[in-house]
Amino acid sequence: MDKIELKPAYSTVEIPGKCLKCLAEQEYGDCLRKLLRGEEGKKELEERFEALLSLLNSSELAKLRDETERYLADGKEVKLMIKMVDGKPKYKVKAD
């Protein structure tokens, strides 16, 4: 599975943003719909689904959301990268 990148952003008058949890929930829902429709690349979708579900159920989610929001408050662009390593998700926050 390729890494998953979630890019949270603050909402402004012109641009609607989403927090990390909202993005993960949205991606999770999209993945579930694709799986239920039986779309191509089922193994890849299953791995993506499992990684997103892991994040949503993780005790680290609140800490990761707080971290990304601190970077956003400083005016930085942020992304959370999720990669499965030995069947377990690894999270990395990157700010530019």
C-alpha atoms as a PDB file:
ATOM      1  CA  MET A   1       0.000   0.000   0.000  1.00  0.00           C
ATOM      2  CA  ASP A   2       1.192   3.482  -0.806  1.00  0.00           C
ATOM      3  CA  LYS A   3       1.268   5.939   2.032  1.00  0.00           C
ATOM      4  CA  ILE A   4      -1.866   7.888   2.825  1.00  0.00           C
ATOM      5  CA  GLU A   5      -1.572  11.667   3.084  1.00  0.00           C
ATOM      6  CA  LEU A   6      -4.162  13.716   4.937  1.00  0.00           C
ATOM      7  CA  LYS A   7      -3.862  17.512   4.646  1.00  0.00           C
ATOM      8  CA  PRO A   8      -5.925  19.313   7.291  1.00  0.00           C
ATOM      9  CA  ALA A   9      -6.689  23.014   6.850  1.00  0.00           C
ATOM     10  CA  TYR A  10      -8.483  25.796   8.669  1.00  0.00           C
ATOM     11  CA  SER A  11     -11.735  27.076   7.249  1.00  0.00           C
ATOM     12  CA  THR A  12     -11.807  30.594   5.846  1.00  0.00           C
ATOM     13  CA  VAL A  13     -14.548  32.613   4.200  1.00  0.00           C
ATOM     14  CA  GLU A  14     -13.401  31.423   0.763  1.00  0.00           C
ATOM     15  CA  ILE A  15     -12.075  27.943   1.548  1.00  0.00           C
ATOM     16  CA  PRO A  16     -13.733  25.260   3.676  1.00  0.00           C
ATOM     17  CA  GLY A  17     -11.168  23.366   5.754  1.00  0.00           C
ATOM     18  CA  LYS A  18     -11.279  20.153   7.723  1.00  0.00           C
ATOM     19  CA  CYS A  19      -9.540  18.901  10.819  1.00  0.00           C
ATOM     20  CA  LEU A  20      -7.494  15.724  10.790  1.00  0.00           C
ATOM     21  CA  LYS A  21     -10.291  13.602  12.281  1.00  0.00           C
ATOM     22  CA  CYS A  22     -12.838  14.899   9.752  1.00  0.00           C
ATOM     23  CA  LEU A  23     -10.488  14.143   6.852  1.00  0.00           C
ATOM     24  CA  ALA A  24      -9.824  10.634   8.153  1.00  0.00           C
ATOM     25  CA  GLU A  25     -13.572  10.019   8.546  1.00  0.00           C
ATOM     26  CA  GLN A  26     -14.202  11.291   5.013  1.00  0.00           C
ATOM     27  CA  GLU A  27     -11.465   9.100   3.518  1.00  0.00           C
ATOM     28  CA  TYR A  28     -12.733   6.135   5.545  1.00  0.00           C
ATOM     29  CA  GLY A  29     -16.266   6.640   4.179  1.00  0.00           C
ATOM     30  CA  ASP A  30     -14.992   6.970   0.604  1.00  0.00           C
ATOM     31  CA  CYS A  31     -12.979   3.783   0.991  1.00  0.00           C
ATOM     32  CA  LEU A  32     -15.924   1.891   2.436  1.00  0.00           C
ATOM     33  CA  ARG A  33     -18.195   2.944  -0.436  1.00  0.00           C
ATOM     34  CA  LYS A  34     -15.599   1.817  -2.994  1.00  0.00           C
ATOM     35  CA  LEU A  35     -15.211  -1.535  -1.239  1.00  0.00           C
ATOM     36  CA  LEU A  36     -18.971  -2.074  -1.158  1.00  0.00           C
ATOM     37  CA  ARG A  37     -19.211  -1.300  -4.885  1.00  0.00           C
ATOM     38  CA  GLY A  38     -16.480  -3.865  -5.562  1.00  0.00           C
ATOM     39  CA  GLU A  39     -14.133  -1.445  -7.311  1.00  0.00           C
ATOM     40  CA  GLU A  40     -10.786  -2.485  -8.761  1.00  0.00           C
ATOM     41  CA  GLY A  41      -7.754  -2.799  -6.519  1.00  0.00           C
ATOM     42  CA  LYS A  42      -9.639  -4.410  -3.665  1.00  0.00           C
ATOM     43  CA  LYS A  43      -6.498  -5.415  -1.723  1.00  0.00           C
ATOM     44  CA  GLU A  44      -5.167  -1.858  -1.871  1.00  0.00           C
ATOM     45  CA  LEU A  45      -8.551  -0.493  -0.768  1.00  0.00           C
ATOM     46  CA  GLU A  46      -8.740  -2.989   2.097  1.00  0.00           C
ATOM     47  CA  GLU A  47      -5.300  -1.947   3.347  1.00  0.00           C
ATOM     48  CA  ARG A  48      -6.228   1.730   3.074  1.00  0.00           C
ATOM     49  CA  PHE A  49      -9.504   1.059   4.899  1.00  0.00           C
ATOM     50  CA  GLU A  50      -7.668  -0.770   7.717  1.00  0.00           C
ATOM     51  CA  ALA A  51      -5.085   2.015   8.079  1.00  0.00           C
ATOM     52  CA  LEU A  52      -7.775   4.697   8.310  1.00  0.00           C
ATOM     53  CA  LEU A  53      -9.838   2.655  10.761  1.00  0.00           C
ATOM     54  CA  SER A  54      -6.704   2.166  12.869  1.00  0.00           C
ATOM     55  CA  LEU A  55      -6.140   5.917  12.956  1.00  0.00           C
ATOM     56  CA  LEU A  56      -9.745   6.660  13.911  1.00  0.00           C
ATOM     57  CA  ASN A  57      -9.614   4.099  16.744  1.00  0.00           C
ATOM     58  CA  SER A  58      -6.126   5.091  17.862  1.00  0.00           C
ATOM     59  CA  SER A  59      -5.448   6.762  21.191  1.00  0.00           C
ATOM     60  CA  GLU A  60      -2.900   8.868  19.250  1.00  0.00           C
ATOM     61  CA  LEU A  61      -5.580  10.610  17.160  1.00  0.00           C
ATOM     62  CA  ALA A  62      -6.185  13.427  19.674  1.00  0.00           C
ATOM     63  CA  LYS A  63      -2.448  14.051  20.018  1.00  0.00           C
ATOM     64  CA  LEU A  64      -1.952  14.065  16.240  1.00  0.00           C
ATOM     65  CA  ARG A  65      -4.911  16.417  15.744  1.00  0.00           C
ATOM     66  CA  ASP A  66      -3.554  18.815  18.385  1.00  0.00           C
ATOM     67  CA  GLU A  67      -0.122  18.734  16.755  1.00  0.00           C
ATOM     68  CA  THR A  68      -1.469  19.468  13.278  1.00  0.00           C
ATOM     69  CA  GLU A  69      -3.653  22.291  14.617  1.00  0.00           C
ATOM     70  CA  ARG A  70      -0.630  23.896  16.322  1.00  0.00           C
ATOM     71  CA  TYR A  71       1.189  23.939  12.989  1.00  0.00           C
ATOM     72  CA  LEU A  72      -1.871  25.340  11.229  1.00  0.00           C
ATOM     73  CA  ALA A  73      -2.118  28.096  13.858  1.00  0.00           C
ATOM     74  CA  ASP A  74       1.494  29.007  13.033  1.00  0.00           C
ATOM     75  CA  GLY A  75       0.496  29.405   9.371  1.00  0.00           C
ATOM     76  CA  LYS A  76       2.196  26.240   8.139  1.00  0.00           C
ATOM     77  CA  GLU A  77       0.910  23.676   5.683  1.00  0.00           C
ATOM     78  CA  VAL A  78       0.550  20.317   7.391  1.00  0.00           C
ATOM     79  CA  LYS A  79       0.087  16.744   6.332  1.00  0.00           C
ATOM     80  CA  LEU A  80      -0.167  13.478   8.180  1.00  0.00           C
ATOM     81  CA  MET A  81       1.362  10.501   6.459  1.00  0.00           C
ATOM     82  CA  ILE A  82       0.181   7.003   7.311  1.00  0.00           C
ATOM     83  CA  LYS A  83       2.178   3.990   6.227  1.00  0.00           C
ATOM     84  CA  MET A  84       1.661   0.364   7.175  1.00  0.00           C
ATOM     85  CA  VAL A  85       4.851  -1.260   8.471  1.00  0.00           C
ATOM     86  CA  ASP A  86       4.693  -4.957   9.398  1.00  0.00           C
ATOM     87  CA  GLY A  87       0.899  -4.745   9.514  1.00  0.00           C
ATOM     88  CA  LYS A  88       0.872  -1.793  11.922  1.00  0.00           C
ATOM     89  CA  PRO A  89       0.233   1.842  11.032  1.00  0.00           C
ATOM     90  CA  LYS A  90       2.998   4.401  11.480  1.00  0.00           C
ATOM     91  CA  TYR A  91       2.088   8.090  11.635  1.00  0.00           C
ATOM     92  CA  LYS A  92       4.290  11.040  10.708  1.00  0.00           C
ATOM     93  CA  VAL A  93       3.331  14.713  10.799  1.00  0.00           C
ATOM     94  CA  LYS A  94       5.128  16.962   8.334  1.00  0.00           C
ATOM     95  CA  ALA A  95       4.876  20.751   8.367  1.00  0.00           C
ATOM     96  CA  ASP A  96       6.181  23.143   5.712  1.00  0.00           C
END
